Amino acid sequence: MRSTLRSRMPFAPRRARLSAGAALAAFGLAGLAALTACSGTGSSDGRNTDGAAAPSDGAVVSPAPPGKYRTLPQPCTAVDLDSLHKLVPGAKDYSGTEALTYDTDRLVGCTWKGATPDGTSRTLTLNLTRVVSYDPSISDELQAQNDFDRKASAASIPSTPPSGSATTTTPSTTPPATASGTDPTATSAGTHDAGNPAGTPSGTTTGTSGSNNANSPESAAADLAPRRLADVGNAAFINDVAKSPKSGPTRTVTVVFRAANVLATITYTQSAPRGAASPSSADLQKDAEKVAVELQHKVEG
């Protein structure tokens, strides 16, 4: 009997020690669970443990949609060859000189230069930029519009385009409201007097009003003043700058337009020899606008 008891006695303490170890392990697991509960990824104030604030209402801000256009047209083939012969007579190479860029999906350009025997030189330059917004809350098109507005502001372009509708030559004491609800004789309303550097009131347009004032120098100057264009792209303006250096008079006409998320700039310059008359503003503007329309079609595909 004693031998039997002695043979069993050594195992009793081992069971006791095993029970104590199990208790300690259970206690450790309980503590770990409590620690995890206290330091989890969420908290009652809606903040993550990394310090980033979580939306209190659970709303997710969606990024602005990408721009309509993902590529740009080849600039040196954007203008018809017949047009180039008229715009830049005497050019040695009508294939143009392509601008050096490192990302042709974002920025491209091309230039043509020509000179005629009478000493007149002409230069046509196209630049296209595909605008990309790096702010997820601003779309590419909105960023392009912001960039366009900055260019227009830098060129002091009036904020509204010409109305394009004929007006009476005799102003009334109570002029009817236009579509924008403004006085049609006001320059800020976008009439043909917008941007008139002389500030000469006109009230006339190129419409058939039967008045000789429609063809007056003041009216013609107002029609050619820097202004918004209503028929090119989503937004457009034209600028006209004349200079008279010692080498001879020079005139540069610039058209900038936006087509969705693409900004296009057409720069057309004509220089005359010393003593010659200043290049025609009307002719250069007409040609530059034609190029703008042609380029718009290339952008839109």
C-alpha atoms as a PDB file:
ATOM      1  CA  MET A   1       0.000   0.000   0.000  1.00  0.00           C
ATOM      2  CA  ARG A   2       2.767   2.389   0.983  1.00  0.00           C
ATOM      3  CA  SER A   3       4.606   1.577  -2.156  1.00  0.00           C
ATOM      4  CA  THR A   4       1.539   2.408  -4.144  1.00  0.00           C
ATOM      5  CA  LEU A   5       1.083   5.765  -2.407  1.00  0.00           C
ATOM      6  CA  ARG A   6       4.761   6.614  -2.797  1.00  0.00           C
ATOM      7  CA  SER A   7       4.547   5.854  -6.465  1.00  0.00           C
ATOM      8  CA  ARG A   8       1.682   8.323  -6.867  1.00  0.00           C
ATOM      9  CA  MET A   9       2.943  11.116  -4.645  1.00  0.00           C
ATOM     10  CA  PRO A  10       5.437  12.659  -7.120  1.00  0.00           C
ATOM     11  CA  PHE A  11       2.683  13.375  -9.644  1.00  0.00           C
ATOM     12  CA  ALA A  12       0.501  15.411  -7.275  1.00  0.00           C
ATOM     13  CA  PRO A  13       2.764  18.511  -7.147  1.00  0.00           C
ATOM     14  CA  ARG A  14       3.121  18.472 -10.904  1.00  0.00           C
ATOM     15  CA  ARG A  15      -0.621  18.753 -11.334  1.00  0.00           C
ATOM     16  CA  ALA A  16      -0.607  21.670  -8.922  1.00  0.00           C
ATOM     17  CA  ARG A  17       2.123  23.435 -10.826  1.00  0.00           C
ATOM     18  CA  LEU A  18       0.287  22.804 -14.120  1.00  0.00           C
ATOM     19  CA  SER A  19      -2.865  24.326 -12.699  1.00  0.00           C
ATOM     20  CA  ALA A  20      -0.959  27.399 -11.554  1.00  0.00           C
ATOM     21  CA  GLY A  21       0.635  27.810 -15.000  1.00  0.00           C
ATOM     22  CA  ALA A  22      -2.723  27.568 -16.714  1.00  0.00           C
ATOM     23  CA  ALA A  23      -4.097  30.229 -14.424  1.00  0.00           C
ATOM     24  CA  LEU A  24      -1.220  32.555 -15.216  1.00  0.00           C
ATOM     25  CA  ALA A  25      -1.701  31.980 -18.956  1.00  0.00           C
ATOM     26  CA  ALA A  26      -5.398  32.710 -18.702  1.00  0.00           C
ATOM     27  CA  PHE A  27      -4.682  35.886 -16.764  1.00  0.00           C
ATOM     28  CA  GLY A  28      -2.187  36.987 -19.420  1.00  0.00           C
ATOM     29  CA  LEU A  29      -4.680  36.433 -22.227  1.00  0.00           C
ATOM     30  CA  ALA A  30      -7.312  38.418 -20.377  1.00  0.00           C
ATOM     31  CA  GLY A  31      -4.878  41.301 -19.892  1.00  0.00           C
ATOM     32  CA  LEU A  32      -3.910  41.249 -23.554  1.00  0.00           C
ATOM     33  CA  ALA A  33      -7.556  41.371 -24.585  1.00  0.00           C
ATOM     34  CA  ALA A  34      -8.151  44.328 -22.308  1.00  0.00           C
ATOM     35  CA  LEU A  35      -5.099  46.118 -23.700  1.00  0.00           C
ATOM     36  CA  THR A  36      -6.268  45.498 -27.262  1.00  0.00           C
ATOM     37  CA  ALA A  37      -9.697  46.870 -26.458  1.00  0.00           C
ATOM     38  CA  CYS A  38      -8.164  50.041 -25.067  1.00  0.00           C
ATOM     39  CA  SER A  39      -5.732  50.643 -27.934  1.00  0.00           C
ATOM     40  CA  GLY A  40      -7.786  49.512 -30.957  1.00  0.00           C
ATOM     41  CA  THR A  41      -7.957  51.232 -34.333  1.00  0.00           C
ATOM     42  CA  GLY A  42     -11.056  53.173 -33.436  1.00  0.00           C
ATOM     43  CA  SER A  43     -12.044  55.505 -30.624  1.00  0.00           C
ATOM     44  CA  SER A  44     -15.154  57.177 -29.385  1.00  0.00           C
ATOM     45  CA  ASP A  45     -14.224  60.600 -30.725  1.00  0.00           C
ATOM     46  CA  GLY A  46     -14.045  59.325 -34.314  1.00  0.00           C
ATOM     47  CA  ARG A  47     -10.290  59.496 -34.575  1.00  0.00           C
ATOM     48  CA  ASN A  48      -7.914  56.803 -35.759  1.00  0.00           C
ATOM     49  CA  THR A  49      -4.897  55.827 -33.688  1.00  0.00           C
ATOM     50  CA  ASP A  50      -2.610  57.334 -36.332  1.00  0.00           C
ATOM     51  CA  GLY A  51      -4.101  60.762 -35.600  1.00  0.00           C
ATOM     52  CA  ALA A  52      -6.016  61.105 -38.920  1.00  0.00           C
ATOM     53  CA  ALA A  53      -9.512  62.477 -38.491  1.00  0.00           C
ATOM     54  CA  ALA A  54     -12.296  60.274 -39.745  1.00  0.00           C
ATOM     55  CA  PRO A  55     -15.422  61.836 -41.269  1.00  0.00           C
ATOM     56  CA  SER A  56     -17.944  62.256 -38.474  1.00  0.00           C
ATOM     57  CA  ASP A  57     -20.845  61.382 -40.764  1.00  0.00           C
ATOM     58  CA  GLY A  58     -19.022  58.578 -42.581  1.00  0.00           C
ATOM     59  CA  ALA A  59     -19.156  60.467 -45.909  1.00  0.00           C
ATOM     60  CA  VAL A  60     -16.460  59.765 -48.508  1.00  0.00           C
ATOM     61  CA  VAL A  61     -15.251  62.639 -50.708  1.00  0.00           C
ATOM     62  CA  SER A  62     -15.132  61.462 -54.334  1.00  0.00           C
ATOM     63  CA  PRO A  63     -12.298  62.812 -56.513  1.00  0.00           C
ATOM     64  CA  ALA A  64     -13.190  65.125 -59.386  1.00  0.00           C
ATOM     65  CA  PRO A  65     -13.585  63.411 -62.779  1.00  0.00           C
ATOM     66  CA  PRO A  66     -10.605  63.394 -65.170  1.00  0.00           C
ATOM     67  CA  GLY A  67     -10.469  65.667 -68.204  1.00  0.00           C
ATOM     68  CA  LYS A  68     -12.208  64.886 -71.470  1.00  0.00           C
ATOM     69  CA  TYR A  69      -9.012  64.740 -73.527  1.00  0.00           C
ATOM     70  CA  ARG A  70      -6.107  62.435 -72.644  1.00  0.00           C
ATOM     71  CA  THR A  71      -3.860  63.237 -75.633  1.00  0.00           C
ATOM     72  CA  LEU A  72      -3.018  66.181 -77.895  1.00  0.00           C
ATOM     73  CA  PRO A  73      -3.000  66.431 -81.699  1.00  0.00           C
ATOM     74  CA  GLN A  74       0.240  66.678 -83.641  1.00  0.00           C
ATOM     75  CA  PRO A  75       0.734  70.478 -83.828  1.00  0.00           C
ATOM     76  CA  CYS A  76       2.762  70.690 -87.042  1.00  0.00           C
ATOM     77  CA  THR A  77      -0.027  69.000 -89.013  1.00  0.00           C
ATOM     78  CA  ALA A  78      -2.857  70.846 -87.274  1.00  0.00           C
ATOM     79  CA  VAL A  79      -3.074  73.611 -89.914  1.00  0.00           C
ATOM     80  CA  ASP A  80      -3.976  72.858 -93.521  1.00  0.00           C
ATOM     81  CA  LEU A  81      -1.105  73.281 -95.984  1.00  0.00           C
ATOM     82  CA  ASP A  82      -3.087  75.667 -98.192  1.00  0.00           C
ATOM     83  CA  SER A  83      -3.767  77.827 -95.145  1.00  0.00           C
ATOM     84  CA  LEU A  84      -0.078  77.854 -94.247  1.00  0.00           C
ATOM     85  CA  HIS A  85       0.870  79.101 -97.721  1.00  0.00           C
ATOM     86  CA  LYS A  86      -1.474  82.068 -97.234  1.00  0.00           C
ATOM     87  CA  LEU A  87      -0.548  82.721 -93.608  1.00  0.00           C
ATOM     88  CA  VAL A  88       3.229  82.401 -93.929  1.00  0.00           C
ATOM     89  CA  PRO A  89       4.196  83.102 -97.559  1.00  0.00           C
ATOM     90  CA  GLY A  90       7.824  82.575 -98.385  1.00  0.00           C
ATOM     91  CA  ALA A  91       8.445  79.931 -95.720  1.00  0.00           C
ATOM     92  CA  LYS A  92      11.356  77.631 -96.517  1.00  0.00           C
ATOM     93  CA  ASP A  93       9.810  74.629 -94.782  1.00  0.00           C
ATOM     94  CA  TYR A  94       6.064  74.252 -94.350  1.00  0.00           C
ATOM     95  CA  SER A  95       6.480  71.171 -92.172  1.00  0.00           C
ATOM     96  CA  GLY A  96       7.121  73.571 -89.287  1.00  0.00           C
ATOM     97  CA  THR A  97       9.529  73.481 -86.363  1.00  0.00           C
ATOM     98  CA  GLU A  98       8.175  71.393 -83.510  1.00  0.00           C
ATOM     99  CA  ALA A  99       8.701  72.651 -79.962  1.00  0.00           C
ATOM    100  CA  LEU A 100      10.955  70.576 -77.732  1.00  0.00           C
ATOM    101  CA  THR A 101       8.891  69.049 -74.915  1.00  0.00           C
ATOM    102  CA  TYR A 102       9.374  66.052 -72.646  1.00  0.00           C
ATOM    103  CA  ASP A 103       5.743  64.942 -72.501  1.00  0.00           C
ATOM    104  CA  THR A 104       3.861  65.268 -75.780  1.00  0.00           C
ATOM    105  CA  ASP A 105       0.645  64.169 -74.077  1.00  0.00           C
ATOM    106  CA  ARG A 106       0.800  67.312 -71.942  1.00  0.00           C
ATOM    107  CA  LEU A 107       2.476  70.028 -74.029  1.00  0.00           C
ATOM    108  CA  VAL A 108       3.137  70.441 -77.762  1.00  0.00           C
ATOM    109  CA  GLY A 109       3.905  73.311 -80.117  1.00  0.00           C
ATOM    110  CA  CYS A 110       4.956  74.236 -83.646  1.00  0.00           C
ATOM    111  CA  THR A 111       6.260  77.349 -85.425  1.00  0.00           C
ATOM    112  CA  TRP A 112       6.366  78.484 -89.058  1.00  0.00           C
ATOM    113  CA  LYS A 113       8.341  81.476 -90.343  1.00  0.00           C
ATOM    114  CA  GLY A 114       8.350  83.115 -93.745  1.00  0.00           C
ATOM    115  CA  ALA A 115       9.542  86.291 -95.465  1.00  0.00           C
ATOM    116  CA  THR A 116       8.589  87.901 -98.766  1.00  0.00           C
ATOM    117  CA  PRO A 117      10.788  89.943-101.155  1.00  0.00           C
ATOM    118  CA  ASP A 118       9.219  93.227-100.003  1.00  0.00           C
ATOM    119  CA  GLY A 119      10.763  92.768 -96.543  1.00  0.00           C
ATOM    120  CA  THR A 120       7.620  91.600 -94.755  1.00  0.00           C
ATOM    121  CA  SER A 121       8.064  88.674 -92.370  1.00  0.00           C
ATOM    122  CA  ARG A 122       5.417  86.536 -90.708  1.00  0.00           C
ATOM    123  CA  THR A 123       5.524  84.017 -87.861  1.00  0.00           C
ATOM    124  CA  LEU A 124       2.793  81.613 -86.782  1.00  0.00           C
ATOM    125  CA  THR A 125       3.127  79.678 -83.520  1.00  0.00           C
ATOM    126  CA  LEU A 126       0.763  77.119 -81.990  1.00  0.00           C
ATOM    127  CA  ASN A 127       0.954  75.886 -78.408  1.00  0.00           C
ATOM    128  CA  LEU A 128      -1.311  73.241 -76.879  1.00  0.00           C
ATOM    129  CA  THR A 129      -1.458  72.298 -73.202  1.00  0.00           C
ATOM    130  CA  ARG A 130      -3.474  69.460 -71.703  1.00  0.00           C
ATOM    131  CA  VAL A 131      -4.275  70.687 -68.218  1.00  0.00           C
ATOM    132  CA  VAL A 132      -4.166  68.216 -65.333  1.00  0.00           C
ATOM    133  CA  SER A 133      -5.336  69.166 -61.852  1.00  0.00           C
ATOM    134  CA  TYR A 134      -3.382  67.818 -58.903  1.00  0.00           C
ATOM    135  CA  ASP A 135      -6.135  68.791 -56.475  1.00  0.00           C
ATOM    136  CA  PRO A 136      -8.655  65.918 -56.210  1.00  0.00           C
ATOM    137  CA  SER A 137     -11.432  68.398 -55.448  1.00  0.00           C
ATOM    138  CA  ILE A 138     -10.830  70.360 -58.692  1.00  0.00           C
ATOM    139  CA  SER A 139     -11.504  68.779 -62.078  1.00  0.00           C
ATOM    140  CA  ASP A 140      -9.104  69.127 -64.995  1.00  0.00           C
ATOM    141  CA  GLU A 141     -11.639  71.265 -66.875  1.00  0.00           C
ATOM    142  CA  LEU A 142     -12.112  73.613 -63.932  1.00  0.00           C
ATOM    143  CA  GLN A 143      -8.357  73.956 -63.594  1.00  0.00           C
ATOM    144  CA  ALA A 144      -8.130  74.701 -67.330  1.00  0.00           C
ATOM    145  CA  GLN A 145     -10.791  77.390 -66.944  1.00  0.00           C
ATOM    146  CA  ASN A 146      -8.882  78.899 -64.021  1.00  0.00           C
ATOM    147  CA  ASP A 147      -5.712  78.978 -66.132  1.00  0.00           C
ATOM    148  CA  PHE A 148      -7.642  80.556 -69.015  1.00  0.00           C
ATOM    149  CA  ASP A 149      -9.070  83.232 -66.718  1.00  0.00           C
ATOM    150  CA  ARG A 150      -5.591  84.105 -65.482  1.00  0.00           C
ATOM    151  CA  LYS A 151      -4.355  84.531 -69.053  1.00  0.00           C
ATOM    152  CA  ALA A 152      -7.342  86.732 -69.906  1.00  0.00           C
ATOM    153  CA  SER A 153      -6.800  88.830 -66.802  1.00  0.00           C
ATOM    154  CA  ALA A 154      -3.100  89.268 -67.589  1.00  0.00           C
ATOM    155  CA  ALA A 155      -4.055  90.536 -71.071  1.00  0.00           C
ATOM    156  CA  SER A 156      -6.727  92.884 -69.617  1.00  0.00           C
ATOM    157  CA  ILE A 157      -9.476  91.230 -71.649  1.00  0.00           C
ATOM    158  CA  PRO A 158     -13.054  92.377 -70.856  1.00  0.00           C
ATOM    159  CA  SER A 159     -14.999  89.798 -68.884  1.00  0.00           C
ATOM    160  CA  THR A 160     -17.841  89.302 -71.389  1.00  0.00           C
ATOM    161  CA  PRO A 161     -17.909  88.699 -75.161  1.00  0.00           C
ATOM    162  CA  PRO A 162     -19.668  91.004 -77.634  1.00  0.00           C
ATOM    163  CA  SER A 163     -23.403  90.384 -77.798  1.00  0.00           C
ATOM    164  CA  GLY A 164     -23.307  90.044 -81.585  1.00  0.00           C
ATOM    165  CA  SER A 165     -26.767  91.554 -81.952  1.00  0.00           C
ATOM    166  CA  ALA A 166     -27.508  94.779 -83.816  1.00  0.00           C
ATOM    167  CA  THR A 167     -28.497  97.809 -81.790  1.00  0.00           C
ATOM    168  CA  THR A 168     -30.189 101.033 -82.729  1.00  0.00           C
ATOM    169  CA  THR A 169     -27.962 104.008 -83.510  1.00  0.00           C
ATOM    170  CA  THR A 170     -30.104 106.395 -81.464  1.00  0.00           C
ATOM    171  CA  PRO A 171     -29.849 105.656 -77.752  1.00  0.00           C
ATOM    172  CA  SER A 172     -33.127 105.929 -75.894  1.00  0.00           C
ATOM    173  CA  THR A 173     -33.555 107.370 -72.441  1.00  0.00           C
ATOM    174  CA  THR A 174     -34.639 103.958 -71.146  1.00  0.00           C
ATOM    175  CA  PRO A 175     -32.680 101.309 -73.014  1.00  0.00           C
ATOM    176  CA  PRO A 176     -34.199  97.835 -73.013  1.00  0.00           C
ATOM    177  CA  ALA A 177     -32.488  95.202 -70.916  1.00  0.00           C
ATOM    178  CA  THR A 178     -30.249  92.765 -72.702  1.00  0.00           C
ATOM    179  CA  ALA A 179     -30.147  89.033 -72.070  1.00  0.00           C
ATOM    180  CA  SER A 180     -27.740  89.682 -69.213  1.00  0.00           C
ATOM    181  CA  GLY A 181     -29.936  92.400 -67.772  1.00  0.00           C
ATOM    182  CA  THR A 182     -27.421  95.191 -68.377  1.00  0.00           C
ATOM    183  CA  ASP A 183     -27.338  98.419 -70.353  1.00  0.00           C
ATOM    184  CA  PRO A 184     -26.497  97.500 -73.967  1.00  0.00           C
ATOM    185  CA  THR A 185     -24.390 100.658 -74.319  1.00  0.00           C
ATOM    186  CA  ALA A 186     -22.151  99.742 -71.385  1.00  0.00           C
ATOM    187  CA  THR A 187     -18.728  98.432 -72.293  1.00  0.00           C
ATOM    188  CA  SER A 188     -18.818  95.874 -69.480  1.00  0.00           C
ATOM    189  CA  ALA A 189     -21.905  94.275 -70.998  1.00  0.00           C
ATOM    190  CA  GLY A 190     -19.818  92.923 -73.844  1.00  0.00           C
ATOM    191  CA  THR A 191     -20.938  95.214 -76.688  1.00  0.00           C
ATOM    192  CA  HIS A 192     -18.663  96.018 -79.606  1.00  0.00           C
ATOM    193  CA  ASP A 193     -17.357  98.983 -77.611  1.00  0.00           C
ATOM    194  CA  ALA A 194     -15.757  96.658 -75.055  1.00  0.00           C
ATOM    195  CA  GLY A 195     -12.073  97.371 -74.675  1.00  0.00           C
ATOM    196  CA  ASN A 196     -12.185 100.621 -76.693  1.00  0.00           C
ATOM    197  CA  PRO A 197      -9.056 102.390 -75.458  1.00  0.00           C
ATOM    198  CA  ALA A 198     -10.512 105.774 -76.331  1.00  0.00           C
ATOM    199  CA  GLY A 199     -13.694 105.051 -74.403  1.00  0.00           C
ATOM    200  CA  THR A 200     -15.745 106.514 -77.245  1.00  0.00           C
ATOM    201  CA  PRO A 201     -19.473 105.788 -76.842  1.00  0.00           C
ATOM    202  CA  SER A 202     -20.924 104.299 -79.957  1.00  0.00           C
ATOM    203  CA  GLY A 203     -24.120 102.294 -79.635  1.00  0.00           C
ATOM    204  CA  THR A 204     -23.543 101.029 -83.169  1.00  0.00           C
ATOM    205  CA  THR A 205     -22.603  97.692 -84.600  1.00  0.00           C
ATOM    206  CA  THR A 206     -21.951  96.305 -88.022  1.00  0.00           C
ATOM    207  CA  GLY A 207     -25.671  95.679 -88.388  1.00  0.00           C
ATOM    208  CA  THR A 208     -27.688  97.379 -91.148  1.00  0.00           C
ATOM    209  CA  SER A 209     -28.977 100.338 -89.181  1.00  0.00           C
ATOM    210  CA  GLY A 210     -28.724 102.832 -92.041  1.00  0.00           C
ATOM    211  CA  SER A 211     -26.271 104.994 -90.126  1.00  0.00           C
ATOM    212  CA  ASN A 212     -22.869 106.025 -91.426  1.00  0.00           C
ATOM    213  CA  ASN A 213     -21.548 105.675 -87.873  1.00  0.00           C
ATOM    214  CA  ALA A 214     -21.525 101.900 -88.310  1.00  0.00           C
ATOM    215  CA  ASN A 215     -18.462 102.295 -90.534  1.00  0.00           C
ATOM    216  CA  SER A 216     -16.796 104.997 -88.472  1.00  0.00           C
ATOM    217  CA  PRO A 217     -13.166 104.580 -87.365  1.00  0.00           C
ATOM    218  CA  GLU A 218     -14.310 104.493 -83.739  1.00  0.00           C
ATOM    219  CA  SER A 219     -16.669 101.595 -84.406  1.00  0.00           C
ATOM    220  CA  ALA A 220     -14.052  99.705 -86.396  1.00  0.00           C
ATOM    221  CA  ALA A 221     -11.479 100.180 -83.633  1.00  0.00           C
ATOM    222  CA  ALA A 222     -13.947  98.890 -81.053  1.00  0.00           C
ATOM    223  CA  ASP A 223     -14.682  95.805 -83.148  1.00  0.00           C
ATOM    224  CA  LEU A 224     -10.953  94.999 -83.293  1.00  0.00           C
ATOM    225  CA  ALA A 225     -10.150  95.737 -79.654  1.00  0.00           C
ATOM    226  CA  PRO A 226      -9.003  92.918 -77.347  1.00  0.00           C
ATOM    227  CA  ARG A 227     -12.142  90.965 -76.497  1.00  0.00           C
ATOM    228  CA  ARG A 228     -13.784  87.632 -75.769  1.00  0.00           C
ATOM    229  CA  LEU A 229     -14.747  85.379 -78.664  1.00  0.00           C
ATOM    230  CA  ALA A 230     -18.083  83.615 -78.518  1.00  0.00           C
ATOM    231  CA  ASP A 231     -17.669  81.056 -81.303  1.00  0.00           C
ATOM    232  CA  VAL A 232     -14.388  79.316 -80.464  1.00  0.00           C
ATOM    233  CA  GLY A 233     -14.121  76.483 -77.941  1.00  0.00           C
ATOM    234  CA  ASN A 234     -15.710  76.670 -74.498  1.00  0.00           C
ATOM    235  CA  ALA A 235     -14.071  80.052 -73.907  1.00  0.00           C
ATOM    236  CA  ALA A 236     -11.775  82.236 -75.992  1.00  0.00           C
ATOM    237  CA  PHE A 237     -10.275  85.693 -76.303  1.00  0.00           C
ATOM    238  CA  ILE A 238      -8.238  87.630 -78.854  1.00  0.00           C
ATOM    239  CA  ASN A 239      -5.517  90.162 -78.128  1.00  0.00           C
ATOM    240  CA  ASP A 240      -3.879  92.613 -80.530  1.00  0.00           C
ATOM    241  CA  VAL A 241      -0.613  94.409 -79.819  1.00  0.00           C
ATOM    242  CA  ALA A 242       1.122  96.799 -82.238  1.00  0.00           C
ATOM    243  CA  LYS A 243       4.684  98.040 -81.835  1.00  0.00           C
ATOM    244  CA  SER A 244       6.865 100.425 -83.811  1.00  0.00           C
ATOM    245  CA  PRO A 245      10.524  99.588 -83.258  1.00  0.00           C
ATOM    246  CA  LYS A 246      13.278 101.172 -85.346  1.00  0.00           C
ATOM    247  CA  SER A 247      13.345  98.112 -87.588  1.00  0.00           C
ATOM    248  CA  GLY A 248       9.737  98.688 -88.653  1.00  0.00           C
ATOM    249  CA  PRO A 249       6.148  98.324 -87.434  1.00  0.00           C
ATOM    250  CA  THR A 250       5.102  94.984 -85.967  1.00  0.00           C
ATOM    251  CA  ARG A 251       1.712  93.628 -84.993  1.00  0.00           C
ATOM    252  CA  THR A 252       1.050  90.471 -82.957  1.00  0.00           C
ATOM    253  CA  VAL A 253      -2.391  88.894 -82.682  1.00  0.00           C
ATOM    254  CA  THR A 254      -2.939  86.199 -80.067  1.00  0.00           C
ATOM    255  CA  VAL A 255      -5.943  83.901 -79.732  1.00  0.00           C
ATOM    256  CA  VAL A 256      -6.315  81.759 -76.621  1.00  0.00           C
ATOM    257  CA  PHE A 257      -9.134  79.247 -76.303  1.00  0.00           C
ATOM    258  CA  ARG A 258     -10.167  76.415 -74.022  1.00  0.00           C
ATOM    259  CA  ALA A 259     -11.664  73.151 -75.257  1.00  0.00           C
ATOM    260  CA  ALA A 260     -12.574  71.103 -72.172  1.00  0.00           C
ATOM    261  CA  ASN A 261      -9.239  70.500 -70.406  1.00  0.00           C
ATOM    262  CA  VAL A 262      -7.044  71.711 -73.300  1.00  0.00           C
ATOM    263  CA  LEU A 263      -5.686  75.243 -73.620  1.00  0.00           C
ATOM    264  CA  ALA A 264      -4.567  76.421 -77.061  1.00  0.00           C
ATOM    265  CA  THR A 265      -2.622  79.561 -77.928  1.00  0.00           C
ATOM    266  CA  ILE A 266      -2.236  80.877 -81.481  1.00  0.00           C
ATOM    267  CA  THR A 267       0.289  83.679 -81.966  1.00  0.00           C
ATOM    268  CA  TYR A 268       0.443  85.365 -85.371  1.00  0.00           C
ATOM    269  CA  THR A 269       3.010  88.121 -85.943  1.00  0.00           C
ATOM    270  CA  GLN A 270       3.648  90.274 -89.000  1.00  0.00           C
ATOM    271  CA  SER A 271       6.552  92.696 -89.285  1.00  0.00           C
ATOM    272  CA  ALA A 272       6.865  95.315 -92.017  1.00  0.00           C
ATOM    273  CA  PRO A 273      10.049  97.060 -93.161  1.00  0.00           C
ATOM    274  CA  ARG A 274      10.993 100.495 -91.884  1.00  0.00           C
ATOM    275  CA  GLY A 275       8.801 103.246 -93.279  1.00  0.00           C
ATOM    276  CA  ALA A 276       5.971 100.868 -94.218  1.00  0.00           C
ATOM    277  CA  ALA A 277       2.462 101.066 -92.830  1.00  0.00           C
ATOM    278  CA  SER A 278       1.545  99.052 -89.763  1.00  0.00           C
ATOM    279  CA  PRO A 279       0.210  95.564 -90.583  1.00  0.00           C
ATOM    280  CA  SER A 280      -3.567  95.358 -90.840  1.00  0.00           C
ATOM    281  CA  SER A 281      -5.209  94.467 -87.555  1.00  0.00           C
ATOM    282  CA  ALA A 282      -8.389  93.259 -89.257  1.00  0.00           C
ATOM    283  CA  ASP A 283      -6.533  90.896 -91.601  1.00  0.00           C
ATOM    284  CA  LEU A 284      -4.335  89.387 -88.907  1.00  0.00           C
ATOM    285  CA  GLN A 285      -7.251  88.877 -86.527  1.00  0.00           C
ATOM    286  CA  LYS A 286      -9.336  87.224 -89.224  1.00  0.00           C
ATOM    287  CA  ASP A 287      -6.512  84.833 -90.096  1.00  0.00           C
ATOM    288  CA  ALA A 288      -5.731  84.032 -86.456  1.00  0.00           C
ATOM    289  CA  GLU A 289      -9.377  83.229 -85.731  1.00  0.00           C
ATOM    290  CA  LYS A 290      -9.491  80.873 -88.721  1.00  0.00           C
ATOM    291  CA  VAL A 291      -6.467  79.025 -87.363  1.00  0.00           C
ATOM    292  CA  ALA A 292      -8.133  78.810 -83.946  1.00  0.00           C
ATOM    293  CA  VAL A 293     -11.251  77.194 -85.408  1.00  0.00           C
ATOM    294  CA  GLU A 294      -9.134  74.775 -87.429  1.00  0.00           C
ATOM    295  CA  LEU A 295      -7.098  73.876 -84.359  1.00  0.00           C
ATOM    296  CA  GLN A 296     -10.237  73.384 -82.282  1.00  0.00           C
ATOM    297  CA  HIS A 297     -11.459  70.764 -84.754  1.00  0.00           C
ATOM    298  CA  LYS A 298      -8.124  68.952 -84.438  1.00  0.00           C
ATOM    299  CA  VAL A 299      -8.371  68.923 -80.648  1.00  0.00           C
ATOM    300  CA  GLU A 300     -11.918  67.615 -80.719  1.00  0.00           C
ATOM    301  CA  GLY A 301     -10.945  64.935 -83.216  1.00  0.00           C
END
